[in-house]
């Protein structure tokens, strides 16, 4: 178990089914060979039918799989994907942190880094402003990519056809009248982001908020993350959006991309 402190309402918050599913993964990781459902049931002190349902669910999600030529169970590729994603995101945050702090210090605005997970933006880092205008975004927060200028940048590697297919049946809820609420509106916002390489948003997420977002590239030129500065209108000097804030965000994004191996269009 972790050293996470048990909450006074532990029995209310704790999800036994999730706990058992994760224990299956731990047990398989510790075992040197695939295990049968009966072996898992004995190890976990649960019924074979309960173990079967856990394994079925994990198989369905790709976290476990049946060993070749057997009904025994072993870890699936999705576990490895999670591990690689975790290590990659940790490296990215460590690489970006100093530049995000510099960006915050120079602009006096909170800075953030996010990645795309499926159709959601996942925030990996938040460097809070030292002024009174604190960000309401915490590390680990998720939001629909279509609602966020960071998301528009992160989706900009996709073709218009793929974007239309991705959001064909999605109910798109507006946060403000600037938030795209149809696939066509989203495609237009994303195409503009791809064309300019930066998104300056006035009120897309919050009515009285501003954000300036830029992409982070890997060594192959793919967009793997995005950064921004964002806060209420009062935190910004409107007279220097173009001459001060945008260049600082672009500089930070370029520095981070360079540290991750990107050498630009050469």
Foldseek 3Di string as FASTA:
>chain_A
DDPDDQDPVNVVPDDVLVVLLVVVQVVLVPDPDFAALVVSCVVVVHDSVSSVVSQVVCVVVQQWDADPPGNTIHGGPVVVVVVVVVVVLVVLCVLQVVLQVVLCVQLLFKKWKWFDDLQKTATQDIDFRPDPFGDPDDHGDIDGLQLDLQSLQNCLVDDLVVLCVSCVPPQADFQDPLGDGHSVSSSVSSPVCVVVQKDWDQASNHPFKIKIKGFAAAQVGHGGMMMITMTGNVSHDVVCVPPGNNVSRVVSRVSSNVSRNHPPDD
